[in-house]
Each structure stands twice: as structure tokens, then as C-alpha cells.
Protein backbone atom coordinates (compact mmCIF):
# COMPACT_ATOMS: atom_id res chain seq x y z
CA MET A 1 0.00 0.00 0.00
CA ARG A 2 1.23 3.52 -0.84
CA ILE A 3 0.49 6.67 1.16
CA ASP A 4 -0.42 9.81 -0.82
CA PHE A 5 1.09 13.22 0.02
CA ASP A 6 -0.46 16.27 -1.62
CA PRO A 7 1.91 19.28 -1.65
CA GLN A 8 -1.03 21.60 -2.27
CA ALA A 9 -2.82 20.40 0.87
CA MET A 10 0.22 20.09 3.14
CA ASP A 11 2.11 22.71 5.09
CA ALA A 12 5.13 23.80 3.03
CA THR A 13 7.57 22.93 5.81
CA ALA A 14 6.11 19.44 6.18
CA PHE A 15 6.44 18.75 2.47
CA TYR A 16 9.99 20.15 2.52
CA ARG A 17 10.84 17.57 5.19
CA LEU A 18 9.36 14.84 3.00
CA LEU A 19 11.37 15.96 -0.04
CA THR A 20 14.64 16.15 1.85
CA ALA A 21 14.04 12.68 3.30
CA VAL A 22 13.56 11.03 -0.10
CA VAL A 23 15.85 13.06 -2.37
CA VAL A 24 18.95 11.50 -0.82
CA PRO A 25 21.86 11.50 -0.53
CA ARG A 26 22.52 15.14 -1.41
CA PRO A 27 26.06 16.46 -1.91
CA ILE A 28 26.96 19.56 0.05
CA ALA A 29 28.21 22.85 -1.35
CA TRP A 30 30.13 24.52 1.48
CA VAL A 31 29.97 28.00 0.02
CA SER A 32 32.34 30.77 1.03
CA THR A 33 31.55 34.37 0.11
CA VAL A 34 32.51 37.87 1.15
CA SER A 35 30.20 40.80 1.77
CA SER A 36 30.41 44.05 -0.15
CA ALA A 37 30.67 46.05 3.09
CA ASP A 38 33.86 47.77 4.23
CA PRO A 39 35.35 46.05 6.10
CA CYS A 40 34.00 42.93 4.42
CA VAL A 41 32.68 39.93 6.33
CA THR A 42 33.65 36.44 5.20
CA ASN A 43 30.71 34.02 5.16
CA LEU A 44 30.77 30.20 5.06
CA ALA A 45 27.57 28.14 4.88
CA PRO A 46 26.48 24.65 3.76
CA HIS A 47 23.89 24.21 1.01
CA SER A 48 22.63 20.70 0.33
CA PHE A 49 20.65 21.52 -2.83
CA PHE A 50 23.76 21.32 -5.00
CA THR A 51 24.84 19.75 -8.30
CA VAL A 52 26.58 20.25 -11.66
CA ALA A 53 24.44 22.28 -14.07
CA SER A 54 26.64 22.28 -17.19
CA ALA A 55 29.80 20.55 -18.37
CA ALA A 56 30.92 23.02 -21.04
CA PRO A 57 31.07 25.69 -19.80
CA PRO A 58 31.60 24.18 -16.34
CA ILE A 59 28.75 25.50 -14.21
CA VAL A 60 27.63 24.35 -10.77
CA GLN A 61 24.43 25.30 -9.02
CA PHE A 62 23.19 25.52 -5.47
CA THR A 63 19.87 26.68 -4.04
CA SER A 64 19.38 29.19 -1.27
CA VAL A 65 16.12 28.46 0.53
CA GLY A 66 15.09 31.92 1.69
CA ARG A 67 17.35 34.96 1.52
CA LYS A 68 20.57 34.33 3.42
CA ASP A 69 23.97 35.99 3.69
CA THR A 70 25.40 33.66 1.03
CA LEU A 71 22.87 34.79 -1.57
CA ASN A 72 23.20 38.45 -0.64
CA ASN A 73 26.98 38.26 -0.96
CA VAL A 74 26.96 36.39 -4.26
CA GLU A 75 24.55 38.88 -5.80
CA ALA A 76 26.59 41.83 -4.50
CA THR A 77 30.07 40.57 -5.47
CA GLY A 78 29.45 38.01 -8.23
CA GLU A 79 31.86 35.48 -6.72
CA PHE A 80 31.85 32.41 -4.47
CA VAL A 81 33.81 29.24 -3.71
CA VAL A 82 32.35 25.76 -3.32
CA ASN A 83 34.43 23.82 -0.80
CA PHE A 84 34.21 20.02 -0.70
CA VAL A 85 33.08 18.50 2.63
CA PRO A 86 34.86 15.30 3.75
CA GLU A 87 33.80 13.15 6.70
CA ALA A 88 36.53 14.61 8.90
CA LEU A 89 34.90 18.06 8.79
CA LEU A 90 31.41 17.01 9.94
CA GLU A 91 31.45 19.04 13.15
CA GLN A 92 32.75 22.16 11.41
CA VAL A 93 30.31 22.12 8.49
CA ASN A 94 27.41 21.52 10.86
CA ALA A 95 28.52 24.45 13.02
CA THR A 96 28.58 26.81 10.03
CA GLY A 97 24.89 26.03 9.52
CA THR A 98 24.15 27.97 12.73
CA ASP A 99 22.00 31.06 12.14
CA PHE A 100 24.71 33.57 13.00
CA PRO A 101 23.52 37.17 12.62
CA PRO A 102 24.75 39.26 9.67
CA GLY A 103 28.15 40.70 10.42
CA VAL A 104 29.43 37.50 12.06
CA GLY A 105 31.87 35.55 9.90
CA GLU A 106 31.63 31.77 10.21
CA PHE A 107 35.34 31.19 9.54
CA GLU A 108 36.21 33.16 12.67
CA ALA A 109 33.22 32.11 14.79
CA VAL A 110 33.76 28.39 14.21
CA GLY A 111 37.57 28.56 14.06
CA ILE A 112 38.06 27.34 10.49
CA GLU A 113 41.36 28.06 8.80
CA GLN A 114 41.10 29.76 5.44
CA GLU A 115 43.47 30.16 2.51
CA PRO A 116 43.40 32.65 -0.36
CA SER A 117 41.74 31.71 -3.63
CA LEU A 118 43.59 32.18 -6.90
CA LEU A 119 41.03 34.01 -9.06
CA VAL A 120 38.22 35.17 -6.77
CA LYS A 121 38.09 37.17 -3.54
CA PRO A 122 36.26 34.69 -1.24
CA PRO A 123 38.77 32.44 0.55
CA ARG A 124 38.88 28.67 0.44
CA VAL A 125 38.59 26.28 3.41
CA ALA A 126 42.19 25.25 3.99
CA ALA A 127 41.29 21.76 5.24
CA SER A 128 38.95 21.00 2.33
CA PRO A 129 40.54 18.67 -0.25
CA VAL A 130 38.75 20.32 -3.21
CA ALA A 131 37.64 23.87 -3.96
CA LEU A 132 35.80 25.27 -6.98
CA GLU A 133 36.27 28.99 -7.49
CA CYS A 134 33.20 30.42 -9.21
CA ARG A 135 31.90 33.59 -10.79
CA LEU A 136 28.17 34.19 -10.85
CA HIS A 137 26.52 33.18 -14.11
CA SER A 138 22.88 33.80 -13.24
CA THR A 139 20.15 33.24 -10.68
CA VAL A 140 16.60 31.94 -10.97
CA ARG A 141 13.94 32.72 -8.38
CA LEU A 142 11.52 29.86 -7.66
CA GLY A 143 9.00 30.69 -4.95
CA ASN A 144 10.86 31.05 -1.66
CA SER A 145 14.12 29.79 -3.15
CA THR A 146 16.83 31.11 -5.47
CA VAL A 147 18.94 28.85 -7.67
CA VAL A 148 22.46 30.21 -8.08
CA PHE A 149 24.51 29.22 -11.13
CA GLY A 150 28.25 29.79 -10.99
CA GLU A 151 30.85 29.23 -13.68
CA VAL A 152 33.89 27.40 -12.34
CA VAL A 153 36.90 29.53 -13.23
CA HIS A 154 39.45 27.54 -11.23
CA ALA A 155 39.58 24.22 -9.39
CA VAL A 156 42.13 23.01 -6.86
CA VAL A 157 42.52 19.45 -5.53
CA LYS A 158 44.89 18.24 -2.83
CA GLU A 159 47.45 15.82 -4.18
CA GLU A 160 46.79 13.21 -1.48
CA VAL A 161 43.26 12.51 -2.79
CA LEU A 162 44.41 11.96 -6.38
CA VAL A 163 45.13 8.58 -7.94
CA ASP A 164 46.70 8.74 -11.40
CA GLY A 165 45.71 12.41 -11.53
CA HIS A 166 42.03 11.75 -10.80
CA PRO A 167 40.12 12.37 -7.52
CA GLU A 168 39.58 9.03 -5.75
CA ILE A 169 36.26 8.64 -3.93
CA ARG A 170 37.76 6.37 -1.25
CA LEU A 171 40.24 9.11 -0.37
CA LEU A 172 37.78 12.00 -0.67
CA ARG A 173 35.27 10.37 1.70
CA PRO A 174 32.47 12.87 1.04
CA LEU A 175 29.71 13.73 3.46
CA SER A 176 26.13 14.04 2.23
CA ARG A 177 22.88 15.27 3.70
CA LEU A 178 19.94 12.97 4.30
CA GLY A 179 16.61 13.65 6.01
CA LYS A 180 16.02 15.25 9.41
CA ASN A 181 19.39 15.78 11.15
CA GLU A 182 20.99 12.85 9.37
CA TRP A 183 24.29 12.90 7.49
CA GLY A 184 25.55 10.22 5.11
CA THR A 185 28.98 8.78 4.45
CA THR A 186 30.26 6.92 1.40
CA GLY A 187 29.59 3.38 2.60
CA GLU A 188 29.98 0.55 0.09
CA ILE A 189 31.25 1.58 -3.34
CA ARG A 190 30.40 -0.52 -6.40
CA ASP A 191 31.98 -0.21 -9.85
CA LEU A 192 29.67 -0.95 -12.78
CA ALA A 193 30.34 0.31 -16.31
CA ARG A 194 27.56 1.25 -18.72
CA ILE A 195 26.69 -1.33 -21.38
CA PRO A 196 27.19 -0.12 -24.99
CA PHE A 197 24.15 -0.78 -27.17
CA ALA A 198 26.31 -2.85 -29.54
CA GLU A 199 26.92 -5.27 -26.67
CA TRP A 200 23.40 -5.17 -25.22
CA LYS A 201 22.12 -8.43 -26.76
CA ALA A 202 25.25 -10.21 -25.69
């Protein structure tokens, strides 16, 4: 037996909880930005509505649910960095999800070391094994959410997570978001190549 859920009849928050419990696992964009104020404030926040939007040009996307510092900063400066989140940084990434007031920088509040980016102003998370430096491509407003598209202008990967020049999932050990307050780890990894149509009957 299946249970029906009608998004038109349900409270929006309740249906959001349903969606985030079944659209899993979700990779995390740990987005660093800087404000346009002087002196500027450096912001760092996790966004679990995140994926690749285009391969050529290389564009990634994340969604800001509501209007948060990250979105305000990206719109004001046109730049951001997506930092990869490995298992070892669970406590830190969770802490940066705290609703700090505007003017409080998460790097400093949580005690996260930063390093300069190469092509954009927002810094990178020094302990993150991968960082994607991005310039704003466009945004799309959908109800209470804004989808942010950023063109990747530079990528950096720590040598220790590369095997034959390619990022190795068993070394990256990514975290993901699940439902409620749950976080996911890599778990079992299975290799299975696609079957070419020419070999399908065989």
C-alpha cells in the first residue's frame, strides 16, 4: 500500500521535510563568500541543494532556501567558492549552519582556517581537499528559493586525494545530507560500467 502526500494540501515545511528525506543522498556545497561592506565579512555556509548544471562551460548550481547571507553576498560581489566537505569536517560544516547574525563571519566564529583563492576574492577552506572557485553566471527565483549558477573559473585538488591524476572517492570520503538531522557517508562503493548498445544483446 502507498500513502499519498499532496503538496497543495500540506504545510510547506512538512512537504519540505518529505522531499529532503527522499531526495537523498545530497552532496553539500560549502559555500564561502565575502560581503560588499567595508570592512567585508567572510561568510561560510552549507547548502545541500547542489549539483553540476553544465559541463561546457563548467557550471555548478546551489539553491538558497530563503534569503541568506550567502545569496546576498553572491549577488553583491558576483563570486563564491564551493568547498568540498569530507567526513573529517562534519562538526565544522554543521557548526557553520548555525543562524549567526549578519556581520558575524563563520570562519572566525567556528575557528576554520582559510586560505586565499587564486582568481576570486572569497577564501577557500584550507582543510577542504577540493575547492571550486566560481563567478556568478545567473540566478533563478523559484518561490521562496533562489537557484544560483556559478561558472567554475578555477579548481584546486589536494594531491593526497588523487590517484593517477584523478580524484579518488575512497580518499575524498564525502559527506552528504539525508533527512532530518541525518548525514551520510560513502559506505559501500560498487563499480559498474555502462553497457554499450552494440553489446546489449550479448
